[in-house]
Amino acid sequence: MPDLWRDLLACLDLTASAAPASRVDAIRYQGRNQRLNYHRVFGGQLLAQFLRIASLTYPDKAIKSQHAVFTSEGRADEPIEFLATPHHEGRSFAAMTITATQAHGVVATSSISVHANEAGPEHQEVEAVPPVLGPEHNLELDLIPWETRATVDLNTTSTGPPSFEFWMRTPKSEVALAPALTAYATDLTLIGTALRPIAGVGQRGNGTDFTSAVTSHTVWFHRPFRTDDWLLLRQHSPLLAHGRSFGRGDVLTRDGALVASYAQEALLRFPEAGREARSSKQRV
């Protein structure tokens, strides 16, 4: 497997090409996929690529929000074509949609809003940030190619409350990449957080103990920040019901500044639930 950090940065090295003649207002990009030992594209990669395209399209504005919908499984062995369509650009705000496609059709769509930062009054009300965990709490999180520290391992099958927080710090990187890199990280652990109250199930049980797939993911960015200093991702899952999980979280600096928030809905099915539903239907 290649160096995951360099591999991810290469996926964010996107260049524009001519759009289809029928879409003169659109910009076409082509991006490669991470070289992972997995058959499908990681959703965090797409979130990061969407945001990178928005930053390249509006270099004088900051990313305000992204809402992505994942419509079908992306194939890791096939490049993805992105069609970016700007809808509005004013002095303060701009908006665009991006569609990611492969030969079999649409993989995901993203609606992105950007904003020229303005001065004004501020207030913030969040739980205080604890000190950064020491190196004895280093914990490798699958697919995250930088330092992460936590006191809870989502891969274990012991039960706990549906909450999770971890510290992260990337290698030295450009400030312009912070939204993309952070969005990438927010996609990984919300399903595992929702699973914590379920006995005998850990995050790595996808495909055996359960089946999961992210259906939509939203990120809001509040303030400029860097990822090569420590960030705390604090999240919880208030609901798991009807084969879907929901989770949300905040991103805070080590000084306690709230810089981003995120939310995710995912498909989350258990084989036992499926069998019980079928048996109940047969009895009726």
Protein backbone atom coordinates (compact mmCIF):
# COMPACT_ATOMS: atom_id res chain seq x y z
CA MET A 1 0.00 0.00 0.00
CA PRO A 2 1.39 3.49 -0.82
CA ASP A 3 1.99 6.21 1.76
CA LEU A 4 -1.60 7.16 2.64
CA TRP A 5 -0.80 10.83 3.33
CA ARG A 6 0.91 11.45 0.00
CA ASP A 7 -1.72 9.37 -1.75
CA LEU A 8 -4.52 11.53 -0.32
CA LEU A 9 -2.74 14.76 -1.27
CA ALA A 10 -2.39 13.41 -4.82
CA CYS A 11 -6.16 12.84 -4.93
CA LEU A 12 -6.64 16.51 -4.05
CA ASP A 13 -4.39 17.66 -6.89
CA LEU A 14 -7.29 18.37 -9.25
CA THR A 15 -7.04 20.26 -12.52
CA ALA A 16 -9.86 21.66 -14.65
CA SER A 17 -10.56 20.69 -18.24
CA ALA A 18 -13.07 21.72 -20.88
CA ALA A 19 -16.70 21.15 -19.94
CA PRO A 20 -19.15 19.49 -22.34
CA ALA A 21 -20.32 21.81 -25.10
CA SER A 22 -23.86 21.56 -23.74
CA ARG A 23 -22.73 22.86 -20.33
CA VAL A 24 -20.76 26.00 -21.08
CA ASP A 25 -21.34 27.24 -17.52
CA ALA A 26 -19.77 24.14 -15.95
CA ILE A 27 -16.21 23.16 -15.17
CA ARG A 28 -15.01 19.58 -15.56
CA TYR A 29 -12.44 17.96 -13.27
CA GLN A 30 -11.10 14.44 -13.16
CA GLY A 31 -9.74 12.95 -9.97
CA ARG A 32 -8.11 9.68 -9.14
CA ASN A 33 -9.02 7.53 -6.17
CA GLN A 34 -7.06 6.51 -3.13
CA ARG A 35 -5.06 3.32 -3.55
CA LEU A 36 -6.68 1.36 -0.77
CA ASN A 37 -7.14 -2.37 -0.34
CA TYR A 38 -10.86 -1.90 -0.79
CA HIS A 39 -13.19 -2.22 -3.76
CA ARG A 40 -15.18 0.97 -3.25
CA VAL A 41 -14.33 4.66 -2.94
CA PHE A 42 -14.18 6.05 0.60
CA GLY A 43 -16.78 8.78 1.01
CA GLY A 44 -14.32 11.01 2.85
CA GLN A 45 -12.21 11.17 -0.30
CA LEU A 46 -15.18 12.52 -2.25
CA LEU A 47 -16.00 15.07 0.45
CA ALA A 48 -12.42 16.31 0.32
CA GLN A 49 -12.36 16.46 -3.48
CA PHE A 50 -15.66 18.36 -3.61
CA LEU A 51 -14.30 20.98 -1.22
CA ARG A 52 -11.01 21.24 -3.03
CA ILE A 53 -12.87 21.97 -6.28
CA ALA A 54 -14.90 24.68 -4.53
CA SER A 55 -11.73 26.27 -3.14
CA LEU A 56 -10.17 26.30 -6.61
CA THR A 57 -13.34 27.80 -8.11
CA TYR A 58 -13.64 30.56 -5.48
CA PRO A 59 -10.09 31.21 -4.22
CA ASP A 60 -11.05 34.57 -2.68
CA LYS A 61 -13.79 33.13 -0.44
CA ALA A 62 -13.92 30.64 2.44
CA ILE A 63 -15.96 27.44 2.41
CA LYS A 64 -19.14 27.99 4.42
CA SER A 65 -20.92 24.65 4.08
CA GLN A 66 -21.19 21.45 2.11
CA HIS A 67 -24.08 19.01 1.85
CA ALA A 68 -23.24 15.79 0.02
CA VAL A 69 -25.57 12.96 -0.98
CA PHE A 70 -24.07 9.58 -1.85
CA THR A 71 -26.26 7.94 -4.47
CA SER A 72 -24.31 4.83 -5.50
CA GLU A 73 -21.12 2.96 -4.67
CA GLY A 74 -18.00 4.41 -6.27
CA ARG A 75 -15.63 1.92 -7.90
CA ALA A 76 -12.09 2.30 -6.67
CA ASP A 77 -10.52 1.09 -9.93
CA GLU A 78 -12.20 3.77 -12.09
CA PRO A 79 -11.40 7.52 -12.16
CA ILE A 80 -14.19 9.89 -11.14
CA GLU A 81 -15.33 12.78 -13.29
CA PHE A 82 -16.56 15.89 -11.48
CA LEU A 83 -18.83 18.41 -13.14
CA ALA A 84 -18.89 21.68 -11.17
CA THR A 85 -21.70 24.12 -11.90
CA PRO A 86 -21.54 27.63 -10.35
CA HIS A 87 -24.98 29.07 -9.60
CA HIS A 88 -24.24 32.44 -8.04
CA GLU A 89 -21.25 34.61 -7.25
CA GLY A 90 -21.64 37.91 -5.42
CA ARG A 91 -19.31 40.05 -3.36
CA SER A 92 -20.07 38.11 -0.16
CA PHE A 93 -21.52 34.73 -1.10
CA ALA A 94 -21.30 32.18 -3.88
CA ALA A 95 -22.83 28.75 -4.44
CA MET A 96 -22.25 25.77 -6.68
CA THR A 97 -23.18 22.13 -7.17
CA ILE A 98 -20.78 19.35 -8.09
CA THR A 99 -21.74 15.96 -9.53
CA ALA A 100 -19.35 13.01 -9.34
CA THR A 101 -19.89 10.32 -11.98
CA GLN A 102 -18.42 7.07 -13.22
CA ALA A 103 -19.42 4.89 -16.17
CA HIS A 104 -22.35 3.37 -14.24
CA GLY A 105 -23.83 6.77 -13.35
CA VAL A 106 -23.86 9.35 -10.55
CA VAL A 107 -21.80 8.42 -7.48
CA ALA A 108 -22.45 11.52 -5.35
CA THR A 109 -23.59 15.13 -5.52
CA SER A 110 -22.56 18.11 -3.43
CA SER A 111 -24.06 21.55 -2.80
CA ILE A 112 -21.44 24.01 -1.56
CA SER A 113 -21.72 27.58 -0.29
CA VAL A 114 -18.79 29.94 0.19
CA HIS A 115 -18.49 33.29 1.94
CA ALA A 116 -16.07 36.19 2.14
CA ASN A 117 -15.24 36.42 5.85
CA GLU A 118 -16.65 39.53 7.54
CA ALA A 119 -15.97 41.34 10.80
CA GLY A 120 -18.65 41.54 13.50
CA PRO A 121 -19.59 40.60 17.07
CA GLU A 122 -18.92 37.04 18.20
CA HIS A 123 -20.08 34.59 20.86
CA GLN A 124 -19.60 30.88 21.42
CA GLU A 125 -21.14 28.40 23.86
CA VAL A 126 -19.56 24.95 23.85
CA GLU A 127 -18.27 22.53 26.45
CA ALA A 128 -14.70 23.31 27.51
CA VAL A 129 -11.93 21.51 25.63
CA PRO A 130 -9.74 19.21 27.75
CA PRO A 131 -5.95 19.14 27.43
CA VAL A 132 -4.56 17.34 24.38
CA LEU A 133 -4.12 13.65 25.18
CA GLY A 134 -0.55 12.44 25.54
CA PRO A 135 1.23 10.05 23.14
CA GLU A 136 0.27 7.08 25.33
CA HIS A 137 -3.22 7.52 23.85
CA ASN A 138 -2.08 7.25 20.23
CA LEU A 139 -4.76 5.31 18.35
CA GLU A 140 -4.62 4.45 14.67
CA LEU A 141 -7.93 5.10 12.96
CA ASP A 142 -8.28 3.21 9.68
CA LEU A 143 -7.89 5.46 6.61
CA ILE A 144 -6.76 8.54 8.58
CA PRO A 145 -3.09 9.03 7.61
CA TRP A 146 -2.04 11.35 10.43
CA GLU A 147 -1.75 11.46 14.23
CA THR A 148 -4.90 10.57 16.16
CA ARG A 149 -5.36 10.15 19.91
CA ALA A 150 -8.38 8.85 21.83
CA THR A 151 -9.31 7.04 25.04
CA VAL A 152 -11.93 4.86 23.30
CA ASP A 153 -11.27 2.35 20.52
CA LEU A 154 -14.28 2.01 18.22
CA ASN A 155 -12.94 -1.32 16.95
CA THR A 156 -13.60 -3.02 20.29
CA THR A 157 -16.91 -4.80 20.84
CA SER A 158 -17.54 -3.55 24.39
CA THR A 159 -20.55 -1.30 24.89
CA GLY A 160 -20.63 2.36 25.82
CA PRO A 161 -22.61 5.56 25.28
CA PRO A 162 -23.04 6.70 21.65
CA SER A 163 -20.37 9.38 21.93
CA PHE A 164 -16.74 9.58 20.85
CA GLU A 165 -14.03 12.18 20.63
CA PHE A 166 -10.52 12.13 19.28
CA TRP A 167 -7.64 14.50 18.73
CA MET A 168 -6.00 14.76 15.33
CA ARG A 169 -3.05 16.58 13.78
CA THR A 170 -1.93 16.34 10.17
CA PRO A 171 1.61 16.76 8.90
CA LYS A 172 2.52 20.28 7.81
CA SER A 173 -0.04 21.34 5.22
CA GLU A 174 -1.47 24.39 3.47
CA VAL A 175 -4.24 26.31 5.23
CA ALA A 176 -6.22 26.09 1.97
CA LEU A 177 -6.44 22.31 2.43
CA ALA A 178 -7.88 22.48 5.96
CA PRO A 179 -11.57 22.19 4.98
CA ALA A 180 -10.92 19.23 2.67
CA LEU A 181 -8.72 17.35 5.14
CA THR A 182 -11.13 17.94 8.01
CA ALA A 183 -14.18 16.85 6.02
CA TYR A 184 -12.27 13.70 5.10
CA ALA A 185 -11.78 12.88 8.79
CA THR A 186 -15.40 13.59 9.78
CA ASP A 187 -16.68 10.80 7.53
CA LEU A 188 -14.97 7.90 9.29
CA THR A 189 -16.22 7.40 12.85
CA LEU A 190 -19.86 8.49 13.14
CA ILE A 191 -21.19 5.02 12.27
CA GLY A 192 -18.84 3.50 14.84
CA THR A 193 -20.14 6.02 17.38
CA ALA A 194 -23.73 4.94 16.70
CA LEU A 195 -22.71 1.30 17.23
CA ARG A 196 -21.22 1.78 20.70
CA PRO A 197 -24.41 0.81 22.64
CA ILE A 198 -24.79 -2.40 20.57
CA ALA A 199 -23.25 -5.38 22.37
CA GLY A 200 -20.70 -7.48 20.51
CA VAL A 201 -20.30 -5.13 17.55
CA GLY A 202 -17.31 -2.97 16.62
CA GLN A 203 -16.63 -0.52 13.81
CA ARG A 204 -14.77 -3.12 11.73
CA GLY A 205 -17.80 -5.41 11.57
CA ASN A 206 -19.15 -3.88 8.36
CA GLY A 207 -20.08 -6.66 5.94
CA THR A 208 -20.23 -9.33 8.65
CA ASP A 209 -22.02 -8.13 11.80
CA PHE A 210 -23.82 -5.33 9.99
CA THR A 211 -24.05 -3.49 6.66
CA SER A 212 -23.45 0.24 6.51
CA ALA A 213 -23.14 2.99 3.94
CA VAL A 214 -23.20 6.76 4.35
CA THR A 215 -26.20 8.30 2.56
CA SER A 216 -25.64 12.01 3.29
CA HIS A 217 -23.04 14.16 5.02
CA THR A 218 -23.01 17.87 5.85
CA VAL A 219 -20.15 20.03 7.12
CA TRP A 220 -20.27 23.68 8.21
CA PHE A 221 -17.12 25.76 8.57
CA HIS A 222 -17.25 28.64 11.05
CA ARG A 223 -13.72 30.09 11.30
CA PRO A 224 -10.36 29.80 9.53
CA PHE A 225 -8.10 27.13 11.07
CA ARG A 226 -5.18 24.80 10.43
CA THR A 227 -5.04 21.03 10.59
CA ASP A 228 -1.33 20.79 11.40
CA ASP A 229 -2.08 21.86 14.97
CA TRP A 230 -4.24 19.74 17.28
CA LEU A 231 -7.99 19.61 16.63
CA LEU A 232 -10.60 17.87 18.77
CA LEU A 233 -13.44 16.09 16.95
CA ARG A 234 -16.24 15.65 19.49
CA GLN A 235 -19.30 13.74 18.30
CA HIS A 236 -22.34 11.74 19.35
CA SER A 237 -25.15 9.76 17.76
CA PRO A 238 -28.56 10.64 19.23
CA LEU A 239 -30.50 8.16 17.09
CA LEU A 240 -30.32 4.69 15.50
CA ALA A 241 -33.68 3.55 14.12
CA HIS A 242 -35.38 2.02 11.07
CA GLY A 243 -32.11 0.86 9.54
CA ARG A 244 -30.51 4.32 9.68
CA SER A 245 -28.09 6.02 12.04
CA PHE A 246 -27.68 9.74 12.63
CA GLY A 247 -24.70 11.47 14.18
CA ARG A 248 -23.30 14.96 14.58
CA GLY A 249 -20.16 16.58 15.91
CA ASP A 250 -18.00 19.65 16.38
CA VAL A 251 -14.39 20.43 15.50
CA LEU A 252 -12.52 22.55 18.05
CA THR A 253 -8.98 23.87 18.33
CA ARG A 254 -6.82 23.09 21.33
CA ASP A 255 -7.67 26.64 22.54
CA GLY A 256 -11.38 25.81 22.46
CA ALA A 257 -12.44 27.71 19.32
CA LEU A 258 -15.32 26.05 17.47
CA VAL A 259 -14.18 25.95 13.82
CA ALA A 260 -16.52 23.44 12.17
CA SER A 261 -19.58 21.26 12.76
CA TYR A 262 -20.85 18.21 10.91
CA ALA A 263 -23.73 15.73 10.67
CA GLN A 264 -24.26 12.44 8.90
CA GLU A 265 -26.99 9.94 8.10
CA ALA A 266 -26.09 6.37 7.16
CA LEU A 267 -27.69 3.08 6.27
CA LEU A 268 -27.07 0.68 9.17
CA ARG A 269 -28.64 -2.79 8.90
CA PHE A 270 -28.22 -5.85 11.07
CA PRO A 271 -28.81 -9.39 9.74
CA GLU A 272 -30.84 -10.35 12.82
CA ALA A 273 -33.22 -7.42 12.29
CA GLY A 274 -33.77 -8.49 8.70
CA ARG A 275 -34.50 -12.07 9.70
CA GLU A 276 -36.91 -10.95 12.44
CA ALA A 277 -38.76 -8.68 10.00
CA ARG A 278 -39.13 -11.50 7.46
CA SER A 279 -40.30 -13.97 10.14
CA SER A 280 -42.86 -11.50 11.45
CA LYS A 281 -44.20 -10.93 7.94
CA GLN A 282 -44.53 -14.70 7.39
CA ARG A 283 -46.45 -15.14 10.66
CA VAL A 284 -48.85 -12.38 9.67
